[in-house]
C-alpha cells in the first residue's frame, strides 16, 4: 500500500450502467478481495491503517502479456461498499514498464500471489460462462473460425478450468496469439501462471467485451 499524489497515467475505465460490462461485478469482487488480503498482510506487518483516498495498490503485468504496471485506488470502491452501496465505476491506471521484472524472476506463483490467482481464476471463468452465449451467437459454435482474440480467451478459460494448464485436443487450434503470447495444441500441458497474472485476465476481459460492444 502506498500513499502518494493521485496518479495521472492513462486509465482503463469500467462502468456499471444499462450497457454495463458483464465483467464489472466480478472485477469489483476480485479487487475487493485483493485489497482485503493486502490489508491483512499489512496488518500482520504492523501497519493496520485503513485505506485512505490517496492509497494505491500496484500490479505488475507479465512481460510478454501486457508489460505494464497497473495502479488501483481501493478507496474508490471501499467508499461505496462500507456504505452498503455497489460501485458504478472502476479505474485502473497504467504505465509502460521499465527495468527488470521482479515477480517474473521468481519463476513461480506463491503466497498471496497464489491467493490472487485463485480469485482471478474464479472471476474469469464466471465471466466467460456469462458471455459465451453472445460469442457463439456472434461467431458460431465452431471455435476454429472465431477471431483470434475470442479463441485466445476460450483457451485461457479452458486452462483456468484445468488448474492453469493448456488443454487443447484439436491440432487445428494452434499458435493463437494475444500480444506476445501464443497458445494452442502444441502447448498442451504447460502451466500459464508464469506468463499470465490476474491483471492480464482483467485486461483480456475488457478487450473481449469491447470487441463485442
Foldseek 3Di string as FASTA:
>chain_A
DDADPDDDADKDKFFADPLGQLLVVLVLVLVVVLVVVVLVVCVVVPHNDDFDQRDKDWDQWFCQAPQKIKIFRPCQAVVQVVVVHGHGMGIIGIDHDDDDDVPLVVVDQDDVQVVSQLSLLVSLLVSCVVCVVVQCVVQNDDLLRRQLLVNVSVQQNVCSVVVQFGDADDPSFFQRDHRRDGGHDVRGGDHCCSGGGSVSSVVSSVVVVVVSD
